[in-house]
């Protein structure tokens, strides 16, 4: 380890640990682990309009007993090709629950998906995002089993709690007990479990644990990761008397991870996932250089949904005006749909309770469910909407034309905004609510996690189906987008308030001089926008030129590139 990095780590560790012995222990163990790696060359990689990320489980598409990663690779190469250049593989490790987020071994691949050679093969054609599920680990993991036996250093890997303490100020994402009783060789103990009794929170106050997790991230980088997603990272550090969310030690640990990864694997990008209000979320950018490279844009899914349900983009436009990036080295990870639901909490301070209720009512009416968080005072409030995004926008009484038009409008908002778009595989494939999966499992999130056979998908993409209509149009728009420098994550973004029913903004690239007007009709009626400045070619149309008057059909979108 070079001297400069050692000094940086000393400073970070002195902030994280007040105990000097812990600082020394952590530094020694980290240095030992780093001995097997060589320093990386200077990073030349920049964000560009060609960057887009497919979000998928390794076995969303299945083909008999064939390993899931092989099936995924075959699908991508045949159908997606280079319209998308990166893939976020949701937890691909052995697990016991929560569809992969209760990991038993961070260094192994779930055998149903394949092995590390399959990952290496996929990484030849696509940049890969690995999940680092490091807030918690399965109770069946070797780490926790050795904790139960009282073995060093594992007896300090987890948070042993006094159930008589006051935990009322702790933020709870789920209405489940915070502490879980376990039997150890030393008798009955209580451990901290933020998400479930099968997901035991890790104790980052233990220096050996910090060093081990850091080494796992290095292992991911060495094995093909170009992005590392820090799952539920806001909960990482615990301190009684606080919310135990976004504590300064959490931020400092992420900065330490960034320092080490940047020294040895400088092209790695850190992505933080924090389903929280906007200001807390963007705090993970740090100063724009020292923390996350991308943060999840959590207000985007509910605000897009709200705009299309109400036929009014005023709230969305006001929110957009407040967006700013601390540097050109970081950007937003934009998404609408994912393996999780549509978060309601990120709209706090943006939507009123009455406006939030519009989202809740639509989700319930359109076949979804609502999960709630415990507020700590005996009350609960909506946490997320569990529903497929296409169904979230239009109820069972809507025509196919209306539902698909609304859905494509939403996805075009996603593709147009400053940042890197993340497209969930079920959005790309035009999926709907999976009532069977939700009902049989009893897990609300399964409504948007259906497994599809490869043969079925091939049949659907050959015929004139709704899936094919959506897939073909999203691929077309992705291919258009990646050729336009105005859509680079570093290009500017300016909101234009012309009509509240048409979301209008300009993407402009100072380096190339390219400007594109984005116009999205969020209503079910024809709209005509009169704006003399809008002159150019509509990239989403049939090549027609636009000058002054833009006519948009219900939920139609336009990308007008200035000539």
Protein backbone atom coordinates (compact mmCIF):
# COMPACT_ATOMS: atom_id res chain seq x y z
CA UNK A 1 0.00 0.00 0.00
CA UNK A 2 1.42 3.36 -1.01
CA UNK A 3 2.21 5.91 1.68
CA UNK A 4 -0.30 8.47 0.40
CA UNK A 5 -3.16 5.97 0.62
CA UNK A 6 -2.01 4.84 4.06
CA UNK A 7 -2.21 8.42 5.34
CA UNK A 8 -5.71 8.85 3.90
CA UNK A 9 -6.86 5.61 5.53
CA UNK A 10 -5.40 6.65 8.88
CA UNK A 11 -7.41 9.86 8.73
CA UNK A 12 -10.60 8.03 7.76
CA UNK A 13 -10.17 5.39 10.46
CA UNK A 14 -9.49 7.98 13.16
CA UNK A 15 -12.89 9.47 12.32
CA UNK A 16 -14.70 6.12 12.24
CA UNK A 17 -13.16 4.71 15.41
CA UNK A 18 -12.48 6.76 18.52
CA UNK A 19 -10.49 3.86 19.97
CA UNK A 20 -6.86 4.00 18.76
CA UNK A 21 -6.46 0.25 19.11
CA UNK A 22 -9.35 -0.28 16.67
CA UNK A 23 -7.80 2.19 14.25
CA UNK A 24 -4.50 0.31 14.28
CA UNK A 25 -6.18 -3.09 13.99
CA UNK A 26 -8.27 -1.99 11.00
CA UNK A 27 -5.33 -0.41 9.21
CA UNK A 28 -3.12 -3.46 9.76
CA UNK A 29 -5.77 -5.88 8.48
CA UNK A 30 -6.65 -3.70 5.45
CA UNK A 31 -2.97 -3.35 4.56
CA UNK A 32 -2.51 -7.13 4.76
CA UNK A 33 -5.46 -7.70 2.42
CA UNK A 34 -4.25 -5.11 -0.07
CA UNK A 35 -0.84 -6.75 -0.43
CA UNK A 36 -2.23 -9.12 -3.07
CA UNK A 37 -3.36 -6.28 -5.39
CA UNK A 38 -1.41 -3.92 -7.64
CA UNK A 39 -2.17 -0.22 -7.97
CA UNK A 40 -4.30 0.61 -10.99
CA UNK A 41 -3.56 3.00 -13.84
CA UNK A 42 -5.22 6.39 -14.03
CA UNK A 43 -8.91 6.18 -14.98
CA UNK A 44 -9.82 7.44 -18.44
CA UNK A 45 -13.45 6.33 -18.33
CA UNK A 46 -16.11 9.06 -18.47
CA UNK A 47 -19.86 8.92 -18.27
CA UNK A 48 -21.52 9.19 -21.69
CA UNK A 49 -24.89 9.00 -23.42
CA UNK A 50 -24.02 5.42 -24.39
CA UNK A 51 -24.31 4.38 -20.73
CA UNK A 52 -27.50 2.56 -19.77
CA UNK A 53 -28.02 -0.30 -17.36
CA UNK A 54 -30.38 -3.27 -17.50
CA UNK A 55 -31.58 -4.32 -14.02
CA UNK A 56 -32.30 -8.05 -13.73
CA UNK A 57 -32.06 -11.14 -11.62
CA UNK A 58 -29.69 -13.74 -13.03
CA UNK A 59 -32.65 -16.07 -13.55
CA UNK A 60 -35.52 -13.79 -14.57
CA UNK A 61 -35.39 -15.61 -17.92
CA UNK A 62 -35.15 -19.38 -17.49
CA UNK A 63 -34.52 -22.28 -19.87
CA UNK A 64 -34.88 -25.65 -18.16
CA UNK A 65 -31.80 -26.57 -16.14
CA UNK A 66 -29.52 -24.27 -18.12
CA UNK A 67 -27.59 -21.89 -15.79
CA UNK A 68 -29.40 -18.56 -15.50
CA UNK A 69 -26.37 -16.46 -16.43
CA UNK A 70 -25.95 -18.41 -19.69
CA UNK A 71 -29.61 -17.82 -20.54
CA UNK A 72 -29.29 -14.12 -19.74
CA UNK A 73 -26.19 -13.81 -21.93
CA UNK A 74 -27.95 -15.56 -24.83
CA UNK A 75 -30.96 -13.25 -24.55
CA UNK A 76 -28.83 -10.11 -24.38
CA UNK A 77 -26.66 -11.03 -27.35
CA UNK A 78 -29.60 -12.03 -29.54
CA UNK A 79 -32.14 -9.33 -28.72
CA UNK A 80 -30.66 -6.42 -26.75
CA UNK A 81 -27.23 -6.37 -28.40
CA UNK A 82 -25.50 -3.02 -27.78
CA UNK A 83 -28.63 -0.92 -27.17
CA UNK A 84 -27.68 -1.28 -23.50
CA UNK A 85 -24.04 -1.46 -22.41
CA UNK A 86 -24.27 -2.53 -18.77
CA UNK A 87 -26.15 -5.07 -16.66
CA UNK A 88 -26.99 -4.89 -12.97
CA UNK A 89 -27.25 -8.48 -11.80
CA UNK A 90 -29.29 -8.49 -8.60
CA UNK A 91 -27.75 -10.61 -5.81
CA UNK A 92 -26.25 -13.63 -7.52
CA UNK A 93 -24.90 -15.31 -4.39
CA UNK A 94 -26.26 -18.26 -2.36
CA UNK A 95 -29.10 -17.03 -0.13
CA UNK A 96 -31.89 -18.15 2.18
CA UNK A 97 -34.65 -15.53 1.75
CA UNK A 98 -35.74 -12.15 0.37
CA UNK A 99 -35.08 -13.25 -3.22
CA UNK A 100 -31.33 -13.02 -2.84
CA UNK A 101 -30.90 -10.25 -0.27
CA UNK A 102 -30.19 -12.64 2.60
CA UNK A 103 -26.76 -13.79 1.44
CA UNK A 104 -24.99 -16.81 2.93
CA UNK A 105 -21.64 -16.38 1.16
CA UNK A 106 -20.52 -13.18 -0.57
CA UNK A 107 -17.76 -14.90 -2.55
CA UNK A 108 -19.78 -17.65 -4.23
CA UNK A 109 -22.25 -17.70 -7.13
CA UNK A 110 -25.65 -19.33 -6.65
CA UNK A 111 -25.16 -22.63 -8.54
CA UNK A 112 -28.56 -22.25 -10.23
CA UNK A 113 -27.14 -19.17 -11.95
CA UNK A 114 -23.76 -20.64 -12.91
CA UNK A 115 -20.27 -19.74 -11.71
CA UNK A 116 -17.61 -17.04 -11.86
CA UNK A 117 -16.65 -18.13 -15.39
CA UNK A 118 -20.18 -17.20 -16.53
CA UNK A 119 -19.70 -13.79 -14.94
CA UNK A 120 -16.36 -13.36 -16.68
CA UNK A 121 -17.95 -14.35 -20.01
CA UNK A 122 -20.79 -11.84 -19.60
CA UNK A 123 -18.34 -9.10 -18.63
CA UNK A 124 -16.65 -9.41 -22.04
CA UNK A 125 -19.64 -7.69 -23.69
CA UNK A 126 -21.30 -5.74 -20.89
CA UNK A 127 -20.14 -3.67 -17.94
CA UNK A 128 -21.48 -5.39 -14.83
CA UNK A 129 -22.95 -4.02 -11.63
CA UNK A 130 -22.56 -6.31 -8.62
CA UNK A 131 -24.67 -6.03 -5.50
CA UNK A 132 -22.81 -5.59 -2.23
CA UNK A 133 -25.46 -6.57 0.34
CA UNK A 134 -23.28 -5.53 3.24
CA UNK A 135 -25.72 -4.10 5.78
CA UNK A 136 -26.74 -7.63 6.75
CA UNK A 137 -26.12 -11.32 6.10
CA UNK A 138 -28.20 -14.50 6.39
CA UNK A 139 -28.55 -16.13 9.79
CA UNK A 140 -27.51 -19.36 8.01
CA UNK A 141 -24.17 -17.87 6.93
CA UNK A 142 -20.93 -19.28 8.29
CA UNK A 143 -20.23 -15.87 9.83
CA UNK A 144 -23.36 -15.90 11.97
CA UNK A 145 -23.09 -19.57 12.86
CA UNK A 146 -19.60 -18.90 14.21
CA UNK A 147 -20.99 -15.89 16.12
CA UNK A 148 -23.43 -18.27 17.82
CA UNK A 149 -20.46 -20.44 18.80
CA UNK A 150 -18.65 -17.43 20.29
CA UNK A 151 -15.65 -17.68 17.93
CA UNK A 152 -13.22 -14.81 17.23
CA UNK A 153 -13.50 -12.52 15.38
CA UNK A 154 -17.10 -13.44 14.47
CA UNK A 155 -18.45 -12.81 17.96
CA UNK A 156 -17.93 -9.10 17.17
CA UNK A 157 -19.27 -9.25 13.58
CA UNK A 158 -22.83 -8.67 14.78
CA UNK A 159 -24.59 -6.24 17.12
CA UNK A 160 -25.51 -7.78 20.44
CA UNK A 161 -28.31 -5.66 21.96
CA UNK A 162 -29.86 -5.00 25.34
CA UNK A 163 -33.63 -5.34 24.81
CA UNK A 164 -34.25 -2.95 27.71
CA UNK A 165 -32.64 -0.02 25.89
CA UNK A 166 -34.74 2.63 24.12
CA UNK A 167 -34.84 2.00 20.35
CA UNK A 168 -37.79 4.29 19.58
CA UNK A 169 -35.73 6.79 17.56
CA UNK A 170 -34.41 4.13 15.15
CA UNK A 171 -35.76 4.43 11.60
CA UNK A 172 -37.69 1.30 10.61
CA UNK A 173 -38.24 0.43 6.93
CA UNK A 174 -40.55 -2.44 7.81
CA UNK A 175 -43.17 -2.99 10.49
CA UNK A 176 -41.21 -5.90 12.04
CA UNK A 177 -39.29 -6.29 15.33
CA UNK A 178 -35.89 -4.58 15.36
CA UNK A 179 -34.29 -7.15 17.68
CA UNK A 180 -34.24 -10.92 17.22
CA UNK A 181 -33.63 -13.39 20.04
CA UNK A 182 -31.02 -16.10 19.34
CA UNK A 183 -29.47 -18.95 21.33
CA UNK A 184 -25.66 -18.89 21.61
CA UNK A 185 -23.10 -20.96 23.51
CA UNK A 186 -23.13 -18.14 26.04
CA UNK A 187 -26.92 -18.21 26.42
CA UNK A 188 -29.77 -16.13 25.04
CA UNK A 189 -28.87 -12.96 23.18
CA UNK A 190 -30.62 -10.34 21.06
CA UNK A 191 -29.20 -9.22 17.73
CA UNK A 192 -30.03 -6.22 15.53
CA UNK A 193 -32.18 -7.12 12.47
CA UNK A 194 -33.29 -4.09 10.45
CA UNK A 195 -35.12 -6.03 7.72
CA UNK A 196 -36.04 -9.50 8.98
CA UNK A 197 -35.03 -12.20 11.47
CA UNK A 198 -33.15 -13.94 8.65
CA UNK A 199 -31.08 -10.84 7.84
CA UNK A 200 -28.67 -10.13 10.69
CA UNK A 201 -27.12 -6.65 10.61
CA UNK A 202 -23.34 -6.47 10.44
CA UNK A 203 -21.34 -4.56 13.04
CA UNK A 204 -18.99 -2.10 11.36
CA UNK A 205 -17.66 -1.06 14.75
CA UNK A 206 -15.64 -4.27 14.45
CA UNK A 207 -12.40 -3.42 12.57
CA UNK A 208 -11.96 -7.01 11.34
CA UNK A 209 -15.44 -6.89 9.80
CA UNK A 210 -14.72 -3.59 8.05
CA UNK A 211 -11.48 -5.01 6.61
CA UNK A 212 -13.23 -8.20 5.46
CA UNK A 213 -16.07 -6.32 3.72
CA UNK A 214 -13.56 -4.06 2.00
CA UNK A 215 -11.70 -7.14 0.76
CA UNK A 216 -14.98 -8.52 -0.64
CA UNK A 217 -15.45 -5.32 -2.65
CA UNK A 218 -11.92 -5.71 -4.00
CA UNK A 219 -12.75 -9.32 -4.89
CA UNK A 220 -15.78 -8.10 -6.86
CA UNK A 221 -13.66 -5.55 -8.71
CA UNK A 222 -11.10 -8.22 -9.56
CA UNK A 223 -13.84 -10.52 -10.87
CA UNK A 224 -15.49 -8.26 -13.39
CA UNK A 225 -17.51 -5.60 -11.58
CA UNK A 226 -17.47 -2.13 -13.12
CA UNK A 227 -20.17 -0.82 -10.77
CA UNK A 228 -20.63 -1.86 -7.14
CA UNK A 229 -24.06 -1.17 -5.65
CA UNK A 230 -24.08 -0.65 -1.89
CA UNK A 231 -27.48 -2.01 -0.91
CA UNK A 232 -29.46 -0.31 1.91
CA UNK A 233 -26.23 1.40 2.88
CA UNK A 234 -27.86 4.21 4.89
CA UNK A 235 -28.47 1.78 7.78
CA UNK A 236 -24.81 0.72 8.09
CA UNK A 237 -23.75 2.46 11.32
CA UNK A 238 -25.81 2.21 14.52
CA UNK A 239 -25.79 4.58 17.47
CA UNK A 240 -28.55 4.56 20.06
CA UNK A 241 -30.34 7.87 20.54
CA UNK A 242 -30.16 8.58 16.80
CA UNK A 243 -32.20 7.47 13.79
CA UNK A 244 -29.29 5.14 12.88
CA UNK A 245 -29.61 6.45 9.32
CA UNK A 246 -27.03 8.39 7.29
CA UNK A 247 -24.69 8.77 10.28
CA UNK A 248 -21.36 10.45 9.65
CA UNK A 249 -19.49 7.17 10.17
CA UNK A 250 -21.53 5.62 7.34
CA UNK A 251 -20.43 8.37 4.97
CA UNK A 252 -16.82 8.05 6.12
CA UNK A 253 -16.78 4.28 5.52
CA UNK A 254 -18.09 4.79 1.96
CA UNK A 255 -15.36 7.38 1.39
CA UNK A 256 -12.78 4.88 2.67
CA UNK A 257 -14.15 2.28 0.23
CA UNK A 258 -13.89 4.85 -2.57
CA UNK A 259 -10.27 5.67 -1.64
CA UNK A 260 -9.19 2.04 -1.76
CA UNK A 261 -11.10 1.07 -4.91
CA UNK A 262 -9.90 4.18 -6.74
CA UNK A 263 -6.29 3.31 -5.92
CA UNK A 264 -6.43 -0.27 -7.21
CA UNK A 265 -9.41 -0.38 -9.60
CA UNK A 266 -9.90 3.24 -10.68
CA UNK A 267 -12.63 2.46 -13.23
CA UNK A 268 -14.98 1.05 -10.59
CA UNK A 269 -18.07 3.17 -9.89
CA UNK A 270 -19.76 3.11 -6.47
CA UNK A 271 -23.57 3.28 -6.48
CA UNK A 272 -25.47 4.01 -3.25
CA UNK A 273 -29.02 2.73 -2.76
CA UNK A 274 -30.93 4.70 -0.11
CA UNK A 275 -34.74 4.73 -0.38
CA UNK A 276 -35.15 7.99 1.53
CA UNK A 277 -36.14 11.66 0.99
CA UNK A 278 -34.17 13.48 -1.70
CA UNK A 279 -31.82 15.60 0.43
CA UNK A 280 -30.68 12.58 2.45
CA UNK A 281 -30.25 10.59 -0.74
CA UNK A 282 -28.00 13.07 -2.54
CA UNK A 283 -25.83 13.54 0.55
CA UNK A 284 -24.06 10.37 -0.62
CA UNK A 285 -22.42 12.34 -3.42
CA UNK A 286 -20.18 13.82 -0.71
CA UNK A 287 -18.31 16.77 -2.20
CA UNK A 288 -18.71 15.36 -5.71
CA UNK A 289 -15.36 13.55 -5.70
CA UNK A 290 -14.94 11.60 -2.48
CA UNK A 291 -18.04 9.40 -2.07
CA UNK A 292 -20.61 7.76 -4.39
CA UNK A 293 -20.24 8.06 -8.16
CA UNK A 294 -23.96 7.46 -8.67
CA UNK A 295 -26.94 7.72 -6.34
CA UNK A 296 -30.34 6.19 -6.99
CA UNK A 297 -32.84 8.86 -8.09
CA UNK A 298 -35.60 7.63 -5.78
CA UNK A 299 -38.13 10.47 -6.25
CA UNK A 300 -38.27 9.78 -10.00
CA UNK A 301 -40.59 6.70 -10.00
CA UNK A 302 -43.34 8.16 -7.79
CA UNK A 303 -43.17 11.64 -9.35
CA UNK A 304 -43.39 10.26 -12.88
CA UNK A 305 -46.34 8.14 -11.80
CA UNK A 306 -48.00 11.16 -10.17
CA UNK A 307 -47.57 13.28 -13.32
CA UNK A 308 -49.15 10.67 -15.59
CA UNK A 309 -51.99 9.89 -13.17
CA UNK A 310 -52.94 13.55 -12.72
CA UNK A 311 -52.10 14.74 -16.25
CA UNK A 312 -50.04 17.56 -14.79
CA UNK A 313 -46.23 17.92 -14.74
CA UNK A 314 -45.95 21.07 -12.58
CA UNK A 315 -44.74 19.25 -9.45
CA UNK A 316 -42.27 17.24 -11.52
CA UNK A 317 -40.92 20.38 -13.21
CA UNK A 318 -40.45 22.16 -9.85
CA UNK A 319 -38.55 19.16 -8.53
CA UNK A 320 -36.39 19.02 -11.66
CA UNK A 321 -35.46 22.69 -11.25
CA UNK A 322 -33.91 21.92 -7.87
CA UNK A 323 -31.70 19.12 -9.16
CA UNK A 324 -28.00 19.86 -9.33
CA UNK A 325 -24.82 17.81 -9.31
CA UNK A 326 -21.80 18.72 -7.16
CA UNK A 327 -19.34 17.86 -9.96
CA UNK A 328 -19.14 16.37 -13.45
CA UNK A 329 -17.61 13.22 -11.94
CA UNK A 330 -20.91 12.05 -10.44
CA UNK A 331 -24.44 11.56 -11.69
CA UNK A 332 -27.85 10.10 -10.91
CA UNK A 333 -28.84 6.49 -11.41
CA UNK A 334 -32.31 7.04 -12.85
CA UNK A 335 -34.90 4.28 -12.74
CA UNK A 336 -38.67 3.80 -12.68
CA UNK A 337 -39.15 0.14 -11.90
CA UNK A 338 -37.02 -2.42 -10.16
CA UNK A 339 -37.17 -5.63 -8.14
CA UNK A 340 -38.52 -3.48 -5.29
CA UNK A 341 -41.64 -1.38 -5.21
CA UNK A 342 -42.22 2.31 -5.94
CA UNK A 343 -40.97 4.23 -2.91
CA UNK A 344 -43.32 6.73 -1.26
CA UNK A 345 -40.85 8.13 1.29
CA UNK A 346 -38.71 9.88 -1.35
CA UNK A 347 -41.66 12.18 -2.09
CA UNK A 348 -41.62 13.62 1.44
CA UNK A 349 -41.28 17.39 1.10
CA UNK A 350 -42.29 17.18 -2.58
CA UNK A 351 -45.82 15.76 -2.48
CA UNK A 352 -48.45 16.53 0.14
CA UNK A 353 -50.07 13.66 2.04
CA UNK A 354 -53.14 14.07 -0.13
CA UNK A 355 -50.99 13.80 -3.26
CA UNK A 356 -49.20 10.75 -1.85
CA UNK A 357 -52.62 9.20 -1.28
CA UNK A 358 -53.33 9.50 -5.02
CA UNK A 359 -50.41 7.11 -5.60
CA UNK A 360 -51.55 4.73 -2.86
CA UNK A 361 -55.14 4.66 -4.14
CA UNK A 362 -54.00 4.03 -7.73
CA UNK A 363 -51.75 1.15 -6.68
CA UNK A 364 -54.56 -0.54 -4.77
CA UNK A 365 -57.12 0.07 -7.53
CA UNK A 366 -54.77 -1.28 -10.19
CA UNK A 367 -54.07 -4.58 -8.48
CA UNK A 368 -51.06 -3.76 -6.32
CA UNK A 369 -50.33 -3.65 -2.61
CA UNK A 370 -48.85 -1.10 -0.20
CA UNK A 371 -46.19 -1.82 2.41
CA UNK A 372 -45.83 0.38 5.46
CA UNK A 373 -43.03 1.55 7.73
CA UNK A 374 -43.19 1.85 11.49
CA UNK A 375 -42.82 5.52 12.53
CA UNK A 376 -41.69 4.65 16.06
CA UNK A 377 -44.66 6.37 17.71
CA UNK A 378 -47.21 3.62 17.18
CA UNK A 379 -48.24 4.89 13.75
CA UNK A 380 -47.41 3.67 10.26
CA UNK A 381 -47.07 5.42 6.92
CA UNK A 382 -46.76 4.18 3.30
CA UNK A 383 -43.25 2.99 2.48
CA UNK A 384 -43.58 1.56 -1.02
CA UNK A 385 -46.13 0.53 -3.62
CA UNK A 386 -45.82 -3.07 -4.78
CA UNK A 387 -47.02 -3.09 -8.36
CA UNK A 388 -45.74 -3.48 -11.91
CA UNK A 389 -45.02 -0.01 -13.32
CA UNK A 390 -47.15 -0.45 -16.43
CA UNK A 391 -50.15 -1.35 -14.25
CA UNK A 392 -49.35 1.47 -11.82
CA UNK A 393 -50.07 3.99 -14.58
CA UNK A 394 -53.33 2.56 -15.93
CA UNK A 395 -56.04 0.44 -14.36
CA UNK A 396 -57.72 -2.71 -15.67
CA UNK A 397 -60.35 -0.58 -17.43
CA UNK A 398 -57.74 1.15 -19.62
CA UNK A 399 -57.24 0.09 -23.23
CA UNK A 400 -53.96 -1.44 -24.37
CA UNK A 401 -53.31 1.72 -26.41
CA UNK A 402 -53.67 3.99 -23.38
CA UNK A 403 -51.63 1.82 -21.04
CA UNK A 404 -48.75 1.33 -23.51
CA UNK A 405 -48.71 5.02 -24.50
CA UNK A 406 -48.55 6.07 -20.85
CA UNK A 407 -45.84 3.53 -20.12
CA UNK A 408 -43.68 4.63 -23.06
CA UNK A 409 -44.10 8.26 -21.98
CA UNK A 410 -42.83 7.32 -18.52
CA UNK A 411 -39.87 5.40 -19.92
CA UNK A 412 -39.03 8.33 -22.22
CA UNK A 413 -38.88 10.64 -19.20
CA UNK A 414 -36.41 8.16 -17.73
CA UNK A 415 -34.28 8.12 -20.89
CA UNK A 416 -34.30 11.92 -21.21
CA UNK A 417 -33.22 13.08 -17.77
CA UNK A 418 -29.68 13.92 -16.72
CA UNK A 419 -28.07 10.76 -15.40
CA UNK A 420 -27.69 7.11 -16.39
CA UNK A 421 -30.95 5.24 -17.04
CA UNK A 422 -31.61 1.89 -15.40
CA UNK A 423 -34.22 -0.19 -17.22
CA UNK A 424 -35.77 -3.08 -15.30
CA UNK A 425 -36.00 -6.24 -17.38
CA UNK A 426 -39.77 -6.52 -16.80
CA UNK A 427 -40.18 -3.00 -18.17
CA UNK A 428 -38.11 -3.84 -21.23
CA UNK A 429 -40.21 -6.98 -21.75
CA UNK A 430 -43.54 -5.21 -21.23
CA UNK A 431 -44.55 -7.38 -18.25
CA UNK A 432 -47.71 -6.89 -16.20
CA UNK A 433 -48.70 -7.67 -12.59
CA UNK A 434 -47.75 -11.22 -11.62
CA UNK A 435 -50.70 -12.02 -9.37
CA UNK A 436 -49.82 -15.70 -9.21
CA UNK A 437 -46.30 -15.07 -7.90
CA UNK A 438 -47.56 -12.56 -5.33
CA UNK A 439 -50.38 -14.80 -4.08
CA UNK A 440 -48.53 -18.10 -3.91
CA UNK A 441 -45.49 -16.63 -2.15
CA UNK A 442 -47.35 -14.20 0.09
CA UNK A 443 -44.60 -11.68 -0.79
CA UNK A 444 -46.02 -8.43 -2.24
CA UNK A 445 -42.81 -7.59 -4.14
CA UNK A 446 -43.16 -10.81 -6.16
CA UNK A 447 -45.84 -9.01 -8.19
CA UNK A 448 -42.97 -7.61 -10.25
CA UNK A 449 -40.44 -10.45 -10.11
CA UNK A 450 -41.97 -13.03 -12.45
CA UNK A 451 -39.72 -15.67 -14.01
CA UNK A 452 -40.26 -16.10 -17.76
CA UNK A 453 -39.24 -18.98 -19.99
CA UNK A 454 -36.83 -18.22 -22.82
CA UNK A 455 -39.07 -19.98 -25.35
CA UNK A 456 -42.07 -17.91 -24.27
CA UNK A 457 -40.14 -14.64 -24.60
CA UNK A 458 -38.91 -15.65 -28.06
CA UNK A 459 -42.49 -16.41 -29.14
CA UNK A 460 -43.69 -13.09 -27.76
CA UNK A 461 -40.97 -11.13 -29.55
CA UNK A 462 -41.70 -12.87 -32.86
CA UNK A 463 -45.43 -12.16 -32.87
CA UNK A 464 -47.21 -8.79 -32.91
CA UNK A 465 -47.75 -8.73 -29.15
CA UNK A 466 -47.87 -5.90 -26.62
CA UNK A 467 -44.55 -7.17 -25.25
CA UNK A 468 -42.99 -6.84 -28.71
CA UNK A 469 -44.43 -3.33 -29.22
CA UNK A 470 -42.90 -2.14 -25.97
CA UNK A 471 -39.60 -3.99 -26.38
CA UNK A 472 -39.02 -2.80 -29.95
CA UNK A 473 -39.83 0.82 -29.14
CA UNK A 474 -37.66 0.94 -26.02
CA UNK A 475 -34.74 -0.59 -27.94
CA UNK A 476 -35.28 1.96 -30.72
CA UNK A 477 -35.28 4.88 -28.28
CA UNK A 478 -32.23 3.55 -26.46
CA UNK A 479 -30.35 3.32 -29.75
CA UNK A 480 -31.33 6.89 -30.68
CA UNK A 481 -30.32 8.17 -27.25
CA UNK A 482 -26.84 6.67 -27.25
CA UNK A 483 -25.97 8.58 -30.44
CA UNK A 484 -26.88 12.02 -29.04
CA UNK A 485 -24.30 13.85 -26.92
CA UNK A 486 -27.03 16.12 -25.53
CA UNK A 487 -28.10 13.09 -23.48
CA UNK A 488 -24.68 12.66 -21.88
CA UNK A 489 -24.93 12.57 -18.05
CA UNK A 490 -22.57 15.57 -18.03
CA UNK A 491 -24.81 17.59 -20.39
CA UNK A 492 -26.96 20.37 -18.95
CA UNK A 493 -30.66 20.27 -18.19
CA UNK A 494 -33.00 23.29 -18.27
CA UNK A 495 -36.71 23.16 -17.46
CA UNK A 496 -39.04 25.24 -19.65
CA UNK A 497 -42.48 25.96 -18.19
CA UNK A 498 -44.64 26.35 -21.29
CA UNK A 499 -47.66 24.19 -20.45
CA UNK A 500 -48.26 22.26 -17.19
CA UNK A 501 -49.64 19.35 -19.21
CA UNK A 502 -46.48 18.95 -21.30
CA UNK A 503 -43.21 18.29 -19.48
CA UNK A 504 -40.67 20.38 -21.40
CA UNK A 505 -36.94 20.72 -20.87
CA UNK A 506 -33.72 21.16 -22.86
CA UNK A 507 -30.68 18.90 -22.72
CA UNK A 508 -27.56 20.67 -23.98
CA UNK A 509 -23.93 19.65 -24.33
CA UNK A 510 -21.54 22.61 -24.14
CA UNK A 511 -18.62 20.63 -25.55
CA UNK A 512 -20.41 19.58 -28.74
CA UNK A 513 -22.99 22.37 -28.99
CA UNK A 514 -25.83 19.87 -29.37
CA UNK A 515 -29.26 20.77 -27.94
CA UNK A 516 -32.38 18.61 -27.74
CA UNK A 517 -35.82 19.77 -26.67
CA UNK A 518 -37.69 17.09 -24.72
CA UNK A 519 -41.49 17.38 -24.83
CA UNK A 520 -43.73 14.80 -23.15
CA UNK A 521 -47.51 15.06 -23.19
CA UNK A 522 -48.62 13.69 -19.79
CA UNK A 523 -52.34 13.83 -20.70
CA UNK A 524 -54.80 11.75 -22.67
CA UNK A 525 -55.65 14.58 -25.05
CA UNK A 526 -54.06 16.14 -28.11
CA UNK A 527 -51.78 19.06 -27.30
CA UNK A 528 -50.23 21.77 -29.45
CA UNK A 529 -47.26 23.66 -28.05
CA UNK A 530 -46.37 26.98 -29.64
CA UNK A 531 -42.75 27.79 -28.98
CA UNK A 532 -40.82 29.69 -31.69
CA UNK A 533 -37.46 28.48 -30.31
CA UNK A 534 -38.27 24.84 -31.01
CA UNK A 535 -36.88 24.24 -34.47
CA UNK A 536 -35.28 21.05 -35.67
CA UNK A 537 -35.77 17.36 -36.34
CA UNK A 538 -37.98 15.19 -34.15
CA UNK A 539 -35.75 12.20 -33.47
CA UNK A 540 -38.67 10.13 -32.15
CA UNK A 541 -40.84 10.76 -35.19
CA UNK A 542 -40.35 9.73 -38.79
CA UNK A 543 -37.69 12.34 -39.46
CA UNK A 544 -40.08 15.28 -39.76
CA UNK A 545 -38.86 18.82 -39.12
CA UNK A 546 -40.52 20.89 -36.42
CA UNK A 547 -40.75 24.69 -36.47
CA UNK A 548 -42.59 26.64 -33.80
CA UNK A 549 -45.68 24.43 -33.41
CA UNK A 550 -45.37 20.96 -31.93
CA UNK A 551 -48.41 18.72 -32.08
CA UNK A 552 -48.48 15.84 -29.62
CA UNK A 553 -51.02 13.04 -29.46
CA UNK A 554 -52.10 11.67 -26.05
CA UNK A 555 -48.96 10.74 -24.08
CA UNK A 556 -46.78 11.31 -27.15
CA UNK A 557 -43.13 12.30 -26.73
CA UNK A 558 -40.76 14.32 -28.90
CA UNK A 559 -36.98 14.75 -28.95
CA UNK A 560 -36.43 17.79 -31.15
CA UNK A 561 -32.77 18.19 -32.04
CA UNK A 562 -31.89 21.75 -32.98
CA UNK A 563 -30.34 21.98 -36.44
